[in-house]
């Protein structure tokens, strides 16, 4: 359900697998992250940034 994945662009590990997909879909549905034109990139919305800071996650 959860596995690490090395991002070859930034050379850092990130979350991968079903759990990562679930988090990504949930944050997209909340409007906290916005997918870019590519399938791989996202950006944090202003509302998402405020909420992630409030939760101590950013």
Protein backbone atom coordinates (compact mmCIF):
# COMPACT_ATOMS: atom_id res chain seq x y z
CA UNK A 1 0.00 0.00 0.00
CA UNK A 2 2.89 2.35 0.72
CA UNK A 3 6.30 2.32 -0.86
CA UNK A 4 9.12 4.81 -1.36
CA UNK A 5 9.92 6.07 -4.83
CA UNK A 6 13.05 7.96 -5.84
CA UNK A 7 12.27 11.09 -7.84
CA UNK A 8 15.07 11.16 -10.42
CA UNK A 9 14.51 14.84 -11.15
CA UNK A 10 14.94 16.10 -7.59
CA UNK A 11 16.84 13.07 -6.23
CA UNK A 12 14.60 12.71 -3.17
CA UNK A 13 12.30 9.93 -2.02
CA UNK A 14 8.57 10.52 -2.01
CA UNK A 15 5.51 8.47 -1.16
CA UNK A 16 4.20 6.10 -3.83
CA UNK A 17 1.52 3.45 -4.11
CA UNK A 18 -2.17 3.25 -3.27
CA UNK A 19 -1.85 5.43 -0.15
CA UNK A 20 -0.09 8.16 -2.14
CA UNK A 21 -2.80 8.04 -4.82
CA UNK A 22 -5.52 8.32 -2.18
CA UNK A 23 -3.87 11.34 -0.55
CA UNK A 24 -3.35 12.98 -3.95
CA UNK A 25 -6.99 12.50 -4.98
CA UNK A 26 -8.26 13.77 -1.60
CA UNK A 27 -6.10 16.91 -1.71
CA UNK A 28 -7.17 17.54 -5.31
CA UNK A 29 -10.85 17.15 -4.38
CA UNK A 30 -10.37 19.63 -1.52
CA UNK A 31 -8.75 22.08 -3.93
CA UNK A 32 -5.56 22.11 -1.87
CA UNK A 33 -3.44 20.95 -4.80
CA UNK A 34 -3.91 21.60 -8.50
CA UNK A 35 -2.61 19.27 -11.20
CA UNK A 36 -0.47 20.86 -13.89
CA UNK A 37 -0.71 20.03 -17.58
CA UNK A 38 1.57 17.07 -17.04
CA UNK A 39 0.25 14.09 -15.11
CA UNK A 40 3.15 14.15 -12.65
CA UNK A 41 3.32 17.72 -11.37
CA UNK A 42 1.05 19.53 -8.95
CA UNK A 43 1.10 22.93 -7.28
CA UNK A 44 -0.29 23.92 -3.90
CA UNK A 45 -3.22 26.33 -4.01
CA UNK A 46 -3.28 29.34 -1.64
CA UNK A 47 -6.08 27.66 0.36
CA UNK A 48 -4.11 24.43 0.44
CA UNK A 49 -0.99 26.21 1.65
CA UNK A 50 -2.93 27.86 4.47
CA UNK A 51 -4.48 24.55 5.55
CA UNK A 52 -1.24 22.58 5.33
CA UNK A 53 0.48 25.25 7.45
CA UNK A 54 -2.39 25.15 9.95
CA UNK A 55 -2.00 21.36 10.21
CA UNK A 56 1.77 21.67 10.65
CA UNK A 57 2.47 19.82 7.41
CA UNK A 58 4.11 22.65 5.51
